[in-house]
Amino acid sequence: MLRLTWVQPEDLLGHELLQATQDGREPSAIAARWRAAGGPEAPLRAGASPEPASRYLRLLAEDLLDELAELPSKLEDSEPTDLAKIKASCPAWPAPAPAAGSRAAGAAPDPKRGGTPPARASVPSPTATPTQAGLEAAWLGRAVGCLLGKPVEKLPLEGIRQLAKSTGNWPLNTYFTAQGIPKDLATTYPWNRRSAKTSLAENIDGMPEDDDLNYPLLNLLLLQRHGKTFTTTDVATLWLEELPAGRTFTAERIAYRNLLTGLEPPRTARHRNPFREWIGALIRADIHGWTNPGNPAAAAEQAHKDATLTHTANGVYAAMFIAATIATVATATTATDVHTALRTGLAVVPPTSRLAQAIRHALQLAETHEDFDKVVDELHATYSRTHHWVHAIPNTALITAALTHANGDFTGAICRAVSGGWDTDSNGATAGSIAALLAGTPFALPDRWTAPLKNRLSTSIADFNGTGFDTLAHLTHALAPWEAPRP
C-alpha cells in the first residue's frame, strides 16, 4: 500500500491543531469535534499514520483544516510575514550596505557576546566576496554536518547519546558507527533506515543525496537563471522544472501539491499547510548569505522571497536569520566572530516573535553552561513537549546554542548541533556551513570529516550529480559581488 507522507488530510489536521495552539489561535472547539469523530493525533515522528482514515474522517479533516485557517490569531500583529511589516518591527534592522567595491562607513561590528543589539546593526564592509576557498569550505561543511546527523535523524535524544557512548564517541567527535553497538541497544534505537547504508562511518563513499544539499543546489540554479531580482514565482517555477516531488518533505511537499492544484504564492504557504513554521525554509537559506557578503539586510530579503513559497512567520524568520548570519561571516576582508554574526542575524527577526525569544534563550543558555548537555536538556525541557522535532523554533535555537558554545569551531559546532537531537542532519548542515565559512578554507577542516566525501556529491537536481565541492564553490563565487583587488 502506498502511504504518501506529509499530505494525508487526517494527519495534517492533527499537526494543524498543534500549529494553531502555537500561533495564537483557539482551536479547542474544532479539536473536540475531531476527537469526538475518532480522529487521530498527529504522528509523533513519521510523516503519515500507519493506516488510512475512513472517507468520512478524511472529508471531515479537509473541512476542519479550512475552518482552522479562518480562526483569528492574537499573534498576527507581532509575527507578520509581509516583508515591509517585518522590517518595521525590527528597530535594529541592518543598514543597507554600500555598493560592492566601496567601503562601508560606521563602526565595526560589536564583538561582545551578550547585551542588546544596537539601535542599528553594524555590518562588515562588503569590500570583497568570500574567497572561493571559503565557499568550498562552506559547501563541504554543510555536507559534513548533514552527513554526521543523517543516521540518527528521528531518534530521541537519549538514543543518540546511548549509541554514541556505546562506541566511545561521546562527547561526539566523529561519524557514528554501528561497529561495537550492543544488539539490544541497536534494536531499541535503530538507525535511520534510509541513511544508515550511506552515512555510518564504515559506509561513507562520497556525499549521498539529501534535501539539505538539494535546496542549495536549486538556489544556485535560481540565481544563475534569474539573478538576485528573482521572484517567489521564479522559485516555484524552478521547483516544478527541476525538483522531483518525491524529494520534497513537510512544507515543501504541501506547497508543491498546492502549485499543482493551481494555487499561487504566497497562498501556497498557507493552504492546508500545518508545516509552515517548520525548518524547511531555513535549510534553503545558505546561498542567500553566501552571495550577499557583508550585506545581511539584502541576504534576509532574498531569503524572504524564497521562504514565502512554503512558510510563514517564524518559518520565514528562521531563513532570514540564517541568511543574515552567513552574510555577516561571508566577507574576505573583515574578521567577524560567530557571536557578532548571530546577533546581527537576530536583528532581522521581529524582536517580540517566538523565534527571537528562542534565539535569545539559546544564547543565554550557551553563555551560562560549560556543559553543553545541560544546554540541550534545558532546550528540550522548554520545547520538546510542545513542538515537533522538525519545527523551526527549537531547531534554530539549538543551532544558535551550538555555534555559540563552540565559539564557531567547526568540529565543536557540528557535534554539538547533532548531539542535541531534533532535526539532526539539517542542524548539522547549517552549523557546519557557518563554522566552515568562518574557518575560511577546506584545509582548515579536519581530514577525518572531509576525506570520506571524496569531493563528490550525489543529487537528483539538474546535472549536478557527481559534482565536486570545488566546482560548486567556483559557481557560487561567480554569483557574489565584485571582489576588490588585494594590496
Protein backbone atom coordinates (compact mmCIF):
# COMPACT_ATOMS: atom_id res chain seq x y z
CA MET A 1 0.00 0.00 0.00
CA LEU A 2 1.32 3.43 -0.94
CA ARG A 3 1.03 5.70 2.08
CA LEU A 4 2.37 9.05 0.90
CA THR A 5 3.84 11.05 3.77
CA TRP A 6 3.15 14.67 4.74
CA VAL A 7 -0.04 15.08 2.68
CA GLN A 8 -2.77 12.90 4.23
CA PRO A 9 -5.59 15.23 5.45
CA GLU A 10 -6.24 13.17 8.58
CA ASP A 11 -2.60 13.63 9.60
CA LEU A 12 -2.39 17.27 8.57
CA LEU A 13 -5.33 18.06 10.84
CA GLY A 14 -3.51 16.82 13.93
CA HIS A 15 -0.47 18.93 13.06
CA GLU A 16 -2.63 21.98 12.30
CA LEU A 17 -4.27 21.75 15.72
CA LEU A 18 -0.80 21.98 17.27
CA GLN A 19 0.20 24.82 14.95
CA ALA A 20 -2.96 26.75 15.82
CA THR A 21 -2.24 26.48 19.53
CA GLN A 22 1.29 27.78 18.98
CA ASP A 23 0.43 30.71 16.71
CA GLY A 24 -2.26 32.25 18.87
CA ARG A 25 -5.50 30.75 17.55
CA GLU A 26 -8.06 28.97 19.72
CA PRO A 27 -8.64 25.51 18.24
CA SER A 28 -10.24 23.72 21.21
CA ALA A 29 -13.77 23.54 19.76
CA ILE A 30 -12.51 22.15 16.46
CA ALA A 31 -10.21 19.74 18.29
CA ALA A 32 -13.18 18.45 20.30
CA ARG A 33 -15.16 17.79 17.11
CA TRP A 34 -12.21 15.92 15.60
CA ARG A 35 -11.70 13.73 18.65
CA ALA A 36 -15.42 13.05 19.03
CA ALA A 37 -15.40 11.72 15.47
CA GLY A 38 -12.50 9.40 16.30
CA GLY A 39 -9.81 11.48 14.59
CA PRO A 40 -6.19 10.54 15.39
CA GLU A 41 -3.47 12.68 16.91
CA ALA A 42 -0.64 13.85 14.68
CA PRO A 43 2.05 11.21 14.09
CA LEU A 44 4.82 11.87 16.59
CA ARG A 45 7.82 11.31 14.30
CA ALA A 46 6.67 9.81 10.99
CA GLY A 47 5.17 11.65 8.04
CA ALA A 48 1.98 9.59 7.95
CA SER A 49 -0.06 7.42 10.28
CA PRO A 50 0.19 3.69 9.51
CA GLU A 51 -3.34 3.22 8.19
CA PRO A 52 -5.54 5.48 6.05
CA ALA A 53 -8.58 7.06 7.65
CA SER A 54 -12.15 6.40 6.60
CA ARG A 55 -13.62 8.51 3.83
CA TYR A 56 -15.73 10.32 6.42
CA LEU A 57 -12.72 11.25 8.57
CA ARG A 58 -10.73 12.36 5.54
CA LEU A 59 -13.51 14.69 4.35
CA LEU A 60 -14.02 15.99 7.88
CA ALA A 61 -10.29 16.68 8.18
CA GLU A 62 -10.35 18.75 4.98
CA ASP A 63 -13.31 20.80 6.24
CA LEU A 64 -11.71 21.36 9.66
CA LEU A 65 -8.40 22.41 8.09
CA ASP A 66 -10.24 25.17 6.27
CA GLU A 67 -12.09 26.20 9.45
CA LEU A 68 -8.83 26.39 11.38
CA ALA A 69 -7.35 28.64 8.71
CA GLU A 70 -10.12 31.17 9.32
CA LEU A 71 -9.55 31.46 13.07
CA PRO A 72 -8.07 34.82 14.16
CA SER A 73 -4.62 34.85 15.74
CA LYS A 74 -3.66 37.03 18.69
CA LEU A 75 -0.05 36.93 17.45
CA GLU A 76 -0.78 38.23 13.96
CA ASP A 77 0.47 41.77 14.64
CA SER A 78 3.66 40.70 16.43
CA GLU A 79 4.54 37.96 13.92
CA PRO A 80 3.91 39.31 10.41
CA THR A 81 5.01 37.57 7.22
CA ASP A 82 4.91 40.64 4.97
CA LEU A 83 8.46 41.96 4.48
CA ALA A 84 7.59 45.63 5.00
CA LYS A 85 5.91 44.80 8.30
CA ILE A 86 8.84 42.61 9.37
CA LYS A 87 11.28 45.44 8.71
CA ALA A 88 9.06 47.95 10.50
CA SER A 89 9.01 45.72 13.57
CA CYS A 90 12.83 45.38 13.69
CA PRO A 91 14.38 48.52 15.23
CA ALA A 92 17.88 47.12 14.70
CA TRP A 93 17.36 46.12 11.05
CA PRO A 94 20.85 46.26 9.47
CA ALA A 95 21.66 49.32 7.43
CA PRO A 96 21.82 48.68 3.67
CA ALA A 97 25.36 48.02 2.54
CA PRO A 98 27.13 50.30 0.05
CA ALA A 99 27.64 49.09 -3.49
CA ALA A 100 30.13 46.27 -3.80
CA GLY A 101 33.65 47.52 -4.14
CA SER A 102 33.18 50.54 -1.85
CA ARG A 103 33.85 50.76 1.87
CA ALA A 104 31.04 50.97 4.40
CA ALA A 105 31.03 53.86 6.80
CA GLY A 106 30.38 53.44 10.50
CA ALA A 107 31.65 51.48 13.44
CA ALA A 108 32.97 47.96 13.26
CA PRO A 109 30.70 45.17 14.49
CA ASP A 110 30.37 44.82 18.26
CA PRO A 111 32.27 41.67 19.24
CA LYS A 112 30.51 41.26 22.60
CA ARG A 113 28.62 38.04 23.15
CA GLY A 114 25.93 39.48 25.40
CA GLY A 115 23.76 42.54 25.60
CA THR A 116 21.09 44.08 23.42
CA PRO A 117 21.63 44.57 19.66
CA PRO A 118 22.46 48.17 18.74
CA ALA A 119 19.77 50.50 17.52
CA ARG A 120 21.13 49.99 14.02
CA ALA A 121 23.01 46.76 13.48
CA SER A 122 26.61 47.24 12.35
CA VAL A 123 27.72 45.18 9.39
CA PRO A 124 31.11 44.34 7.93
CA SER A 125 32.37 46.34 5.00
CA PRO A 126 31.43 44.39 1.83
CA THR A 127 34.74 45.11 0.14
CA ALA A 128 35.11 41.59 -1.21
CA THR A 129 33.32 38.37 -1.83
CA PRO A 130 34.12 35.36 0.32
CA THR A 131 37.10 33.67 -1.24
CA GLN A 132 36.48 30.64 -3.41
CA ALA A 133 38.32 28.61 -0.77
CA GLY A 134 35.94 29.93 1.87
CA LEU A 135 32.93 28.94 -0.20
CA GLU A 136 34.37 25.49 -0.80
CA ALA A 137 34.77 25.14 2.95
CA ALA A 138 31.15 26.23 3.44
CA TRP A 139 29.79 23.72 0.92
CA LEU A 140 31.93 20.98 2.47
CA GLY A 141 30.95 22.00 5.99
CA ARG A 142 27.29 21.83 5.08
CA ALA A 143 27.74 18.35 3.65
CA VAL A 144 29.81 17.06 6.57
CA GLY A 145 27.38 18.34 9.20
CA CYS A 146 24.45 16.85 7.30
CA LEU A 147 26.22 13.50 6.91
CA LEU A 148 27.05 13.37 10.62
CA GLY A 149 23.40 13.80 11.53
CA LYS A 150 21.81 11.52 8.93
CA PRO A 151 21.96 8.13 10.69
CA VAL A 152 20.38 9.46 13.92
CA GLU A 153 17.66 11.57 12.31
CA LYS A 154 14.28 10.93 14.05
CA LEU A 155 15.91 9.27 17.06
CA PRO A 156 15.14 10.62 20.55
CA LEU A 157 17.87 12.47 22.41
CA GLU A 158 18.53 9.60 24.83
CA GLY A 159 19.00 7.21 21.90
CA ILE A 160 21.59 9.45 20.26
CA ARG A 161 23.53 9.70 23.50
CA GLN A 162 23.47 5.97 24.22
CA LEU A 163 24.51 4.97 20.69
CA ALA A 164 27.47 7.36 20.71
CA LYS A 165 28.55 6.39 24.23
CA SER A 166 28.43 2.68 23.40
CA THR A 167 31.20 3.15 20.81
CA GLY A 168 33.32 5.60 22.83
CA ASN A 169 32.22 8.53 20.66
CA TRP A 170 30.90 10.78 23.44
CA PRO A 171 31.17 13.70 23.58
CA LEU A 172 30.54 13.30 19.88
CA ASN A 173 33.74 13.78 17.90
CA THR A 174 33.47 11.79 14.67
CA TYR A 175 30.95 9.99 12.45
CA PHE A 176 28.62 7.41 14.02
CA THR A 177 29.42 3.73 13.59
CA ALA A 178 27.40 0.55 14.07
CA GLN A 179 30.51 -1.40 14.96
CA GLY A 180 30.55 -2.43 18.62
CA ILE A 181 26.99 -1.41 19.46
CA PRO A 182 25.18 -3.97 21.67
CA LYS A 183 22.39 -5.75 19.81
CA ASP A 184 19.67 -4.75 22.27
CA LEU A 185 20.65 -1.08 22.02
CA ALA A 186 20.63 -1.24 18.21
CA THR A 187 17.15 -2.77 18.37
CA THR A 188 15.84 -0.12 20.77
CA TYR A 189 17.29 2.76 18.78
CA PRO A 190 17.55 1.72 15.11
CA TRP A 191 19.47 3.94 12.71
CA ASN A 192 17.54 5.94 10.14
CA ARG A 193 16.70 3.19 7.68
CA ARG A 194 17.28 5.28 4.57
CA SER A 195 20.55 6.81 5.71
CA ALA A 196 22.47 4.17 7.62
CA LYS A 197 23.74 2.43 4.48
CA THR A 198 25.43 5.62 3.25
CA SER A 199 26.18 7.70 6.37
CA LEU A 200 27.69 5.45 9.03
CA ALA A 201 31.48 5.75 9.19
CA GLU A 202 32.05 2.32 7.68
CA ASN A 203 29.69 3.02 4.76
CA ILE A 204 30.52 6.58 3.64
CA ASP A 205 31.57 6.79 0.00
CA GLY A 206 31.03 10.37 -1.13
CA MET A 207 28.17 12.64 -0.06
CA PRO A 208 24.79 10.89 -0.50
CA GLU A 209 21.73 12.78 -1.69
CA ASP A 210 19.90 14.82 0.91
CA ASP A 211 17.39 17.68 0.78
CA ASP A 212 19.79 19.75 2.89
CA LEU A 213 22.10 19.83 -0.16
CA ASN A 214 19.43 19.68 -2.86
CA TYR A 215 17.98 23.05 -1.89
CA PRO A 216 21.29 24.96 -2.00
CA LEU A 217 21.80 23.43 -5.45
CA LEU A 218 18.35 24.60 -6.53
CA ASN A 219 19.10 28.10 -5.28
CA LEU A 220 22.38 28.08 -7.17
CA LEU A 221 20.33 27.39 -10.31
CA LEU A 222 17.83 30.06 -9.29
CA LEU A 223 20.48 32.78 -9.11
CA GLN A 224 22.18 31.61 -12.30
CA ARG A 225 18.90 31.89 -14.21
CA HIS A 226 17.26 34.91 -12.61
CA GLY A 227 19.87 36.78 -10.59
CA LYS A 228 19.03 38.45 -7.30
CA THR A 229 15.89 40.02 -8.71
CA PHE A 230 14.18 36.62 -8.75
CA THR A 231 10.60 36.40 -7.53
CA THR A 232 8.84 33.81 -5.41
CA THR A 233 7.09 32.71 -8.59
CA ASP A 234 10.51 32.09 -10.15
CA VAL A 235 11.31 29.79 -7.22
CA ALA A 236 8.04 27.92 -7.77
CA THR A 237 8.67 27.53 -11.50
CA LEU A 238 12.19 26.25 -10.91
CA TRP A 239 10.90 23.65 -8.47
CA LEU A 240 8.36 22.37 -10.95
CA GLU A 241 11.07 22.11 -13.59
CA GLU A 242 13.95 20.69 -11.55
CA LEU A 243 12.82 19.29 -8.18
CA PRO A 244 11.33 15.77 -8.12
CA ALA A 245 8.18 15.79 -5.98
CA GLY A 246 9.39 12.73 -4.10
CA ARG A 247 12.42 14.70 -2.88
CA THR A 248 10.20 17.17 -1.00
CA PHE A 249 9.01 16.89 2.60
CA THR A 250 6.74 18.71 5.07
CA ALA A 251 6.01 22.31 3.99
CA GLU A 252 7.77 21.90 0.66
CA ARG A 253 5.64 18.90 -0.27
CA ILE A 254 2.45 20.76 0.67
CA ALA A 255 3.46 23.83 -1.33
CA TYR A 256 4.39 21.63 -4.31
CA ARG A 257 0.95 20.00 -4.13
CA ASN A 258 -0.67 23.42 -3.90
CA LEU A 259 1.17 24.57 -7.02
CA LEU A 260 -0.10 21.54 -8.92
CA THR A 261 -3.68 22.38 -7.92
CA GLY A 262 -3.32 25.88 -9.36
CA LEU A 263 -2.60 27.92 -6.23
CA GLU A 264 -0.04 30.72 -6.44
CA PRO A 265 2.44 32.08 -3.88
CA PRO A 266 2.09 33.15 -1.13
CA ARG A 267 -1.12 31.15 -0.74
CA THR A 268 0.93 28.02 -1.43
CA ALA A 269 2.45 28.50 2.04
CA ARG A 270 -0.87 28.79 3.84
CA HIS A 271 -3.38 26.45 2.24
CA ARG A 272 -3.70 23.30 4.37
CA ASN A 273 -0.06 23.60 5.33
CA PRO A 274 0.48 22.92 9.05
CA PHE A 275 4.26 22.77 8.49
CA ARG A 276 4.62 26.43 7.52
CA GLU A 277 6.71 27.23 10.62
CA TRP A 278 8.97 24.19 10.35
CA ILE A 279 12.62 24.09 9.30
CA GLY A 280 12.31 23.75 5.50
CA ALA A 281 12.94 27.39 4.59
CA LEU A 282 15.93 27.60 6.93
CA ILE A 283 17.76 24.83 5.09
CA ARG A 284 17.43 26.78 1.83
CA ALA A 285 18.99 29.98 3.19
CA ASP A 286 22.75 29.48 2.90
CA ILE A 287 23.29 30.66 -0.64
CA HIS A 288 21.40 33.90 0.06
CA GLY A 289 24.04 34.65 2.67
CA TRP A 290 26.97 33.41 0.60
CA THR A 291 26.06 35.73 -2.29
CA ASN A 292 25.48 38.84 -0.16
CA PRO A 293 28.78 39.15 1.73
CA GLY A 294 28.71 41.87 4.34
CA ASN A 295 25.10 42.71 3.48
CA PRO A 296 22.82 40.89 5.95
CA ALA A 297 19.83 43.05 5.04
CA ALA A 298 19.98 42.01 1.38
CA ALA A 299 20.55 38.38 2.35
CA ALA A 300 17.49 38.42 4.62
CA GLU A 301 15.30 40.00 1.94
CA GLN A 302 16.48 37.45 -0.62
CA ALA A 303 15.74 34.60 1.82
CA HIS A 304 12.28 36.07 2.42
CA LYS A 305 11.40 35.82 -1.28
CA ASP A 306 12.46 32.18 -1.26
CA ALA A 307 10.84 31.23 2.05
CA THR A 308 7.37 32.65 1.41
CA LEU A 309 6.68 29.99 -1.21
CA THR A 310 6.36 27.49 1.62
CA HIS A 311 6.44 29.20 5.01
CA THR A 312 5.00 31.98 7.13
CA ALA A 313 6.05 33.96 10.21
CA ASN A 314 8.66 32.10 12.30
CA GLY A 315 9.39 29.66 9.48
CA VAL A 316 10.33 32.65 7.33
CA TYR A 317 12.23 34.41 10.11
CA ALA A 318 14.42 31.33 10.63
CA ALA A 319 15.56 31.50 7.00
CA MET A 320 16.17 35.25 7.24
CA PHE A 321 18.14 34.81 10.46
CA ILE A 322 20.46 32.19 8.96
CA ALA A 323 20.92 34.15 5.70
CA ALA A 324 21.82 37.35 7.58
CA THR A 325 24.17 35.47 9.91
CA ILE A 326 26.01 33.90 6.97
CA ALA A 327 26.19 37.20 5.09
CA THR A 328 27.88 38.74 8.12
CA VAL A 329 30.50 35.99 8.07
CA ALA A 330 30.87 35.85 4.28
CA THR A 331 33.39 38.56 3.60
CA ALA A 332 37.04 38.02 2.84
CA THR A 333 38.34 41.21 4.42
CA THR A 334 36.56 41.70 7.74
CA ALA A 335 37.24 39.41 10.67
CA THR A 336 33.89 38.56 12.23
CA ASP A 337 33.36 36.16 15.11
CA VAL A 338 30.35 33.89 15.32
CA HIS A 339 28.83 35.86 18.20
CA THR A 340 28.74 39.08 16.20
CA ALA A 341 27.28 37.23 13.23
CA LEU A 342 24.49 35.61 15.24
CA ARG A 343 23.49 38.86 16.87
CA THR A 344 23.45 40.58 13.50
CA GLY A 345 21.24 37.77 12.25
CA LEU A 346 18.92 38.31 15.21
CA ALA A 347 18.43 41.90 14.09
CA VAL A 348 16.27 40.77 11.13
CA VAL A 349 13.88 38.79 13.36
CA PRO A 350 10.89 40.63 14.86
CA PRO A 351 12.02 41.05 18.49
CA THR A 352 8.69 40.05 20.08
CA SER A 353 8.33 36.91 17.95
CA ARG A 354 8.61 33.43 19.39
CA LEU A 355 11.72 32.79 17.31
CA ALA A 356 13.52 35.85 18.65
CA GLN A 357 12.70 34.77 22.19
CA ALA A 358 14.03 31.27 21.45
CA ILE A 359 17.28 32.62 19.97
CA ARG A 360 17.86 34.90 22.95
CA HIS A 361 17.16 31.98 25.28
CA ALA A 362 19.66 29.81 23.41
CA LEU A 363 22.34 32.50 23.58
CA GLN A 364 21.79 32.86 27.32
CA LEU A 365 21.99 29.12 27.93
CA ALA A 366 25.13 28.69 25.83
CA GLU A 367 26.83 31.56 27.63
CA THR A 368 25.83 30.23 31.07
CA HIS A 369 26.62 26.50 30.99
CA GLU A 370 30.04 24.98 30.41
CA ASP A 371 28.49 21.55 29.86
CA PHE A 372 26.61 21.56 26.55
CA ASP A 373 24.46 18.62 27.66
CA LYS A 374 22.87 20.97 30.19
CA VAL A 375 22.13 23.46 27.41
CA VAL A 376 20.46 20.72 25.39
CA ASP A 377 18.50 19.42 28.36
CA GLU A 378 17.07 22.87 29.05
CA LEU A 379 16.16 23.40 25.40
CA HIS A 380 14.38 20.06 25.29
CA ALA A 381 12.58 20.79 28.57
CA THR A 382 11.35 24.03 27.03
CA TYR A 383 10.28 22.83 23.57
CA SER A 384 10.02 19.06 23.20
CA ARG A 385 6.55 18.71 24.72
CA THR A 386 5.04 21.43 22.55
CA HIS A 387 6.97 21.44 19.25
CA HIS A 388 7.54 18.82 16.58
CA TRP A 389 11.12 17.68 16.09
CA VAL A 390 11.21 19.45 12.67
CA HIS A 391 9.81 22.79 13.89
CA ALA A 392 11.96 25.84 13.13
CA ILE A 393 11.85 27.37 16.61
CA PRO A 394 13.62 24.69 18.69
CA ASN A 395 15.97 23.74 15.87
CA THR A 396 17.07 27.35 15.26
CA ALA A 397 17.63 27.72 18.98
CA LEU A 398 19.79 24.58 19.01
CA ILE A 399 21.87 25.74 16.02
CA THR A 400 22.42 29.08 17.76
CA ALA A 401 23.43 27.43 21.01
CA ALA A 402 25.81 25.01 19.28
CA LEU A 403 27.64 27.72 17.34
CA THR A 404 27.85 29.96 20.41
CA HIS A 405 29.02 27.27 22.82
CA ALA A 406 31.65 26.02 20.33
CA ASN A 407 32.83 29.59 19.73
CA GLY A 408 32.48 28.92 15.99
CA ASP A 409 34.88 25.94 15.98
CA PHE A 410 33.91 23.57 13.17
CA THR A 411 34.07 20.20 14.93
CA GLY A 412 32.62 21.64 18.10
CA ALA A 413 29.71 23.26 16.25
CA ILE A 414 28.60 20.28 14.17
CA CYS A 415 28.99 17.80 17.01
CA ARG A 416 27.01 19.97 19.40
CA ALA A 417 24.30 20.59 16.83
CA VAL A 418 23.88 16.90 16.04
CA SER A 419 24.23 15.67 19.62
CA GLY A 420 21.34 17.97 20.58
CA GLY A 421 18.81 15.87 18.68
CA TRP A 422 15.69 17.02 16.82
CA ASP A 423 16.40 17.55 13.08
CA THR A 424 19.96 16.30 13.34
CA ASP A 425 21.04 16.37 9.69
CA SER A 426 19.61 19.82 9.00
CA ASN A 427 21.08 21.30 12.18
CA GLY A 428 24.46 19.77 11.50
CA ALA A 429 24.37 21.09 7.94
CA THR A 430 23.62 24.69 8.90
CA ALA A 431 26.06 24.75 11.80
CA GLY A 432 28.70 23.20 9.54
CA SER A 433 28.16 25.74 6.78
CA ILE A 434 28.59 28.70 9.14
CA ALA A 435 31.54 27.29 11.09
CA ALA A 436 33.36 26.17 7.94
CA LEU A 437 32.91 29.57 6.34
CA LEU A 438 34.46 31.09 9.47
CA ALA A 439 37.36 28.64 9.08
CA GLY A 440 37.94 30.11 5.62
CA THR A 441 39.44 27.19 3.74
CA PRO A 442 38.77 23.47 3.30
CA PHE A 443 42.26 22.77 4.61
CA ALA A 444 41.16 24.12 8.00
CA LEU A 445 38.58 21.31 8.30
CA PRO A 446 39.89 18.07 9.84
CA ASP A 447 40.63 15.40 7.26
CA ARG A 448 38.58 12.77 9.13
CA TRP A 449 35.49 14.77 8.23
CA THR A 450 36.17 15.70 4.62
CA ALA A 451 38.19 12.81 3.16
CA PRO A 452 35.28 10.31 3.11
CA LEU A 453 33.28 12.71 0.91
CA LYS A 454 35.84 12.27 -1.89
CA ASN A 455 34.89 15.66 -3.33
CA ARG A 456 31.74 14.11 -4.77
CA LEU A 457 28.06 14.86 -4.18
CA SER A 458 25.04 12.79 -5.21
CA THR A 459 21.81 14.52 -6.16
CA SER A 460 18.80 14.33 -8.45
CA ILE A 461 18.91 18.09 -9.11
CA ALA A 462 19.64 19.10 -12.72
CA ASP A 463 23.02 17.79 -13.83
CA PHE A 464 24.82 18.34 -10.51
CA ASN A 465 25.10 14.62 -9.69
CA GLY A 466 28.74 13.76 -9.03
CA THR A 467 29.81 17.40 -8.88
CA GLY A 468 32.77 18.32 -6.67
CA PHE A 469 32.59 20.85 -3.87
CA ASP A 470 35.39 22.83 -5.51
CA THR A 471 33.22 23.21 -8.62
CA LEU A 472 30.22 24.29 -6.54
CA ALA A 473 32.41 26.89 -4.83
CA HIS A 474 33.52 28.22 -8.23
CA LEU A 475 29.90 28.52 -9.43
CA THR A 476 28.82 30.22 -6.20
CA HIS A 477 31.76 32.60 -6.25
CA ALA A 478 30.70 33.80 -9.70
CA LEU A 479 27.34 34.91 -8.25
CA ALA A 480 28.74 37.04 -5.44
CA PRO A 481 29.53 40.78 -5.82
CA TRP A 482 32.70 42.11 -7.39
CA GLU A 483 35.83 41.29 -5.44
CA ALA A 484 38.15 44.17 -4.66
CA PRO A 485 41.79 43.60 -5.54
CA ARG A 486 44.04 42.87 -2.58
CA PRO A 487 47.05 45.08 -1.98
